[in-house]
Amino acid sequence: MDIPAILIKLAGAALLIWTIRSIYIHVKEKRKAEKAGKEDVQSVSEQILNNVLLYLWLAFMLVFSSGMILNN
């Protein structure tokens, strides 16, 4: 295996680990806020749009980083 392919796989692995860590932290914070009874002051439409954007970004990063690892 050549050096660029190894570097791409390492970058993909780093991005995958970072994304999984971000998902874990997000879920942990949501559960903590839910238990504490804290409510955001965002409107419902703003919450929906923020969550859609966040989850689409996380899904993209999972696919992108997995593709960097598997396709090179």
N, C-alpha and C. Protein backbone atom coordinates (compact mmCIF):
# COMPACT_ATOMS: atom_id res chain seq x y z
N MET A 1 0.85 -1.17 0.00
CA MET A 1 0.00 0.00 0.00
C MET A 1 0.90 1.24 0.00
N ASP A 2 0.53 2.22 -0.81
CA ASP A 2 1.36 3.42 -0.91
C ASP A 2 1.02 4.43 0.19
N ILE A 3 1.89 5.38 0.36
CA ILE A 3 1.79 6.34 1.46
C ILE A 3 0.52 7.21 1.39
N PRO A 4 0.12 7.73 0.21
CA PRO A 4 -1.12 8.53 0.19
C PRO A 4 -2.35 7.74 0.64
N ALA A 5 -2.44 6.47 0.25
CA ALA A 5 -3.58 5.66 0.67
C ALA A 5 -3.58 5.45 2.19
N ILE A 6 -2.40 5.25 2.75
CA ILE A 6 -2.30 5.08 4.21
C ILE A 6 -2.71 6.37 4.92
N LEU A 7 -2.25 7.51 4.41
CA LEU A 7 -2.60 8.79 5.01
C LEU A 7 -4.10 9.06 4.93
N ILE A 8 -4.71 8.71 3.81
CA ILE A 8 -6.16 8.90 3.65
C ILE A 8 -6.91 8.00 4.62
N LYS A 9 -6.47 6.76 4.78
CA LYS A 9 -7.13 5.86 5.73
C LYS A 9 -6.98 6.37 7.17
N LEU A 10 -5.82 6.89 7.51
CA LEU A 10 -5.63 7.45 8.85
C LEU A 10 -6.51 8.68 9.07
N ALA A 11 -6.61 9.54 8.05
CA ALA A 11 -7.48 10.72 8.18
C ALA A 11 -8.94 10.29 8.30
N GLY A 12 -9.34 9.28 7.53
CA GLY A 12 -10.70 8.76 7.63
C GLY A 12 -10.98 8.17 9.00
N ALA A 13 -10.01 7.45 9.55
CA ALA A 13 -10.19 6.88 10.89
C ALA A 13 -10.30 7.98 11.94
N ALA A 14 -9.47 9.03 11.80
CA ALA A 14 -9.54 10.15 12.75
C ALA A 14 -10.89 10.85 12.66
N LEU A 15 -11.38 11.09 11.45
CA LEU A 15 -12.69 11.71 11.29
C LEU A 15 -13.81 10.84 11.83
N LEU A 16 -13.71 9.53 11.63
CA LEU A 16 -14.72 8.61 12.13
C LEU A 16 -14.74 8.61 13.66
N ILE A 17 -13.58 8.58 14.27
CA ILE A 17 -13.51 8.61 15.74
C ILE A 17 -14.06 9.92 16.27
N TRP A 18 -13.70 11.02 15.63
CA TRP A 18 -14.18 12.34 16.05
C TRP A 18 -15.70 12.43 15.93
N THR A 19 -16.26 11.90 14.84
CA THR A 19 -17.70 11.94 14.62
C THR A 19 -18.42 11.08 15.65
N ILE A 20 -17.92 9.88 15.90
CA ILE A 20 -18.55 9.01 16.89
C ILE A 20 -18.50 9.65 18.28
N ARG A 21 -17.38 10.29 18.60
CA ARG A 21 -17.25 10.98 19.88
C ARG A 21 -18.26 12.12 19.97
N SER A 22 -18.45 12.86 18.89
CA SER A 22 -19.41 13.96 18.86
C SER A 22 -20.84 13.45 19.06
N ILE A 23 -21.16 12.33 18.44
CA ILE A 23 -22.49 11.74 18.60
C ILE A 23 -22.69 11.33 20.05
N TYR A 24 -21.69 10.70 20.64
CA TYR A 24 -21.78 10.25 22.03
C TYR A 24 -21.98 11.44 22.98
N ILE A 25 -21.21 12.50 22.78
CA ILE A 25 -21.33 13.69 23.63
C ILE A 25 -22.70 14.33 23.46
N HIS A 26 -23.20 14.40 22.23
CA HIS A 26 -24.51 14.99 21.97
C HIS A 26 -25.62 14.22 22.68
N VAL A 27 -25.59 12.90 22.56
CA VAL A 27 -26.61 12.07 23.20
C VAL A 27 -26.53 12.19 24.72
N LYS A 28 -25.31 12.20 25.24
CA LYS A 28 -25.12 12.33 26.68
C LYS A 28 -25.66 13.66 27.20
N GLU A 29 -25.40 14.74 26.49
CA GLU A 29 -25.90 16.06 26.89
C GLU A 29 -27.42 16.13 26.80
N LYS A 30 -28.00 15.53 25.76
CA LYS A 30 -29.46 15.53 25.61
C LYS A 30 -30.11 14.79 26.77
N ARG A 31 -29.55 13.63 27.13
CA ARG A 31 -30.11 12.86 28.25
C ARG A 31 -29.96 13.61 29.56
N LYS A 32 -28.84 14.25 29.75
CA LYS A 32 -28.60 15.02 30.98
C LYS A 32 -29.59 16.19 31.08
N ALA A 33 -29.79 16.90 29.99
CA ALA A 33 -30.73 18.02 29.97
C ALA A 33 -32.16 17.53 30.18
N GLU A 34 -32.47 16.37 29.64
CA GLU A 34 -33.81 15.82 29.80
C GLU A 34 -34.08 15.43 31.25
N LYS A 35 -33.08 14.84 31.91
CA LYS A 35 -33.22 14.47 33.31
C LYS A 35 -33.34 15.69 34.20
N ALA A 36 -32.57 16.73 33.90
CA ALA A 36 -32.57 17.93 34.72
C ALA A 36 -33.82 18.78 34.48
N GLY A 37 -34.55 18.49 33.42
CA GLY A 37 -35.76 19.24 33.11
C GLY A 37 -35.48 20.58 32.47
N LYS A 38 -34.28 20.77 31.98
CA LYS A 38 -33.96 22.03 31.31
C LYS A 38 -34.61 22.05 29.94
N GLU A 39 -35.17 23.19 29.61
CA GLU A 39 -35.78 23.33 28.30
C GLU A 39 -35.08 24.45 27.55
N ASP A 40 -34.88 24.23 26.26
CA ASP A 40 -34.30 25.27 25.43
C ASP A 40 -35.35 26.35 25.16
N VAL A 41 -34.91 27.52 24.88
CA VAL A 41 -35.82 28.62 24.57
C VAL A 41 -36.01 28.76 23.07
N GLN A 42 -35.68 27.72 22.34
CA GLN A 42 -35.85 27.72 20.89
C GLN A 42 -37.30 27.39 20.54
N SER A 43 -37.74 27.92 19.42
CA SER A 43 -39.06 27.55 18.94
C SER A 43 -39.01 26.13 18.37
N VAL A 44 -40.18 25.56 18.18
CA VAL A 44 -40.26 24.18 17.70
C VAL A 44 -39.65 24.07 16.30
N SER A 45 -39.95 25.02 15.43
CA SER A 45 -39.41 24.95 14.07
C SER A 45 -37.89 25.10 14.08
N GLU A 46 -37.37 25.94 14.96
CA GLU A 46 -35.92 26.09 15.06
C GLU A 46 -35.27 24.82 15.58
N GLN A 47 -35.89 24.16 16.55
CA GLN A 47 -35.36 22.90 17.05
C GLN A 47 -35.35 21.84 15.97
N ILE A 48 -36.43 21.76 15.21
CA ILE A 48 -36.52 20.76 14.13
C ILE A 48 -35.45 21.01 13.08
N LEU A 49 -35.30 22.26 12.65
CA LEU A 49 -34.31 22.58 11.62
C LEU A 49 -32.88 22.33 12.13
N ASN A 50 -32.61 22.69 13.37
CA ASN A 50 -31.29 22.45 13.94
C ASN A 50 -30.99 20.96 14.03
N ASN A 51 -31.97 20.17 14.47
CA ASN A 51 -31.76 18.73 14.59
C ASN A 51 -31.59 18.07 13.23
N VAL A 52 -32.38 18.49 12.25
CA VAL A 52 -32.24 17.93 10.90
C VAL A 52 -30.85 18.23 10.35
N LEU A 53 -30.41 19.47 10.50
CA LEU A 53 -29.09 19.85 10.02
C LEU A 53 -27.99 19.06 10.74
N LEU A 54 -28.10 18.94 12.05
CA LEU A 54 -27.10 18.22 12.83
C LEU A 54 -27.04 16.75 12.41
N TYR A 55 -28.18 16.09 12.32
CA TYR A 55 -28.18 14.66 12.01
C TYR A 55 -27.78 14.39 10.57
N LEU A 56 -28.13 15.28 9.65
CA LEU A 56 -27.65 15.11 8.27
C LEU A 56 -26.14 15.27 8.19
N TRP A 57 -25.59 16.23 8.93
CA TRP A 57 -24.15 16.43 8.94
C TRP A 57 -23.45 15.21 9.54
N LEU A 58 -23.97 14.69 10.66
CA LEU A 58 -23.35 13.52 11.28
C LEU A 58 -23.44 12.30 10.37
N ALA A 59 -24.57 12.11 9.68
CA ALA A 59 -24.70 10.99 8.75
C ALA A 59 -23.70 11.15 7.60
N PHE A 60 -23.57 12.36 7.06
CA PHE A 60 -22.60 12.60 6.00
C PHE A 60 -21.19 12.27 6.47
N MET A 61 -20.83 12.73 7.66
CA MET A 61 -19.48 12.49 8.17
C MET A 61 -19.22 11.00 8.39
N LEU A 62 -20.22 10.26 8.84
CA LEU A 62 -20.04 8.81 9.01
C LEU A 62 -19.79 8.14 7.66
N VAL A 63 -20.58 8.50 6.67
CA VAL A 63 -20.42 7.90 5.34
C VAL A 63 -19.10 8.33 4.71
N PHE A 64 -18.77 9.61 4.81
CA PHE A 64 -17.54 10.13 4.21
C PHE A 64 -16.30 9.49 4.82
N SER A 65 -16.25 9.45 6.15
CA SER A 65 -15.06 8.89 6.80
C SER A 65 -14.98 7.38 6.58
N SER A 66 -16.11 6.70 6.57
CA SER A 66 -16.10 5.27 6.27
C SER A 66 -15.63 5.02 4.84
N GLY A 67 -16.06 5.87 3.93
CA GLY A 67 -15.63 5.75 2.53
C GLY A 67 -14.15 5.99 2.37
N MET A 68 -13.60 6.91 3.15
CA MET A 68 -12.16 7.16 3.09
C MET A 68 -11.38 5.91 3.55
N ILE A 69 -11.93 5.21 4.52
CA ILE A 69 -11.25 4.02 5.05
C ILE A 69 -11.41 2.84 4.10
N LEU A 70 -12.61 2.62 3.62
CA LEU A 70 -12.90 1.40 2.86
C LEU A 70 -12.55 1.49 1.36
N ASN A 71 -12.63 2.66 0.76
CA ASN A 71 -12.47 2.77 -0.68
C ASN A 71 -11.04 3.03 -1.14
N ASN A 72 -10.12 3.24 -0.25
CA ASN A 72 -8.74 3.51 -0.68
C ASN A 72 -7.85 2.35 -0.38
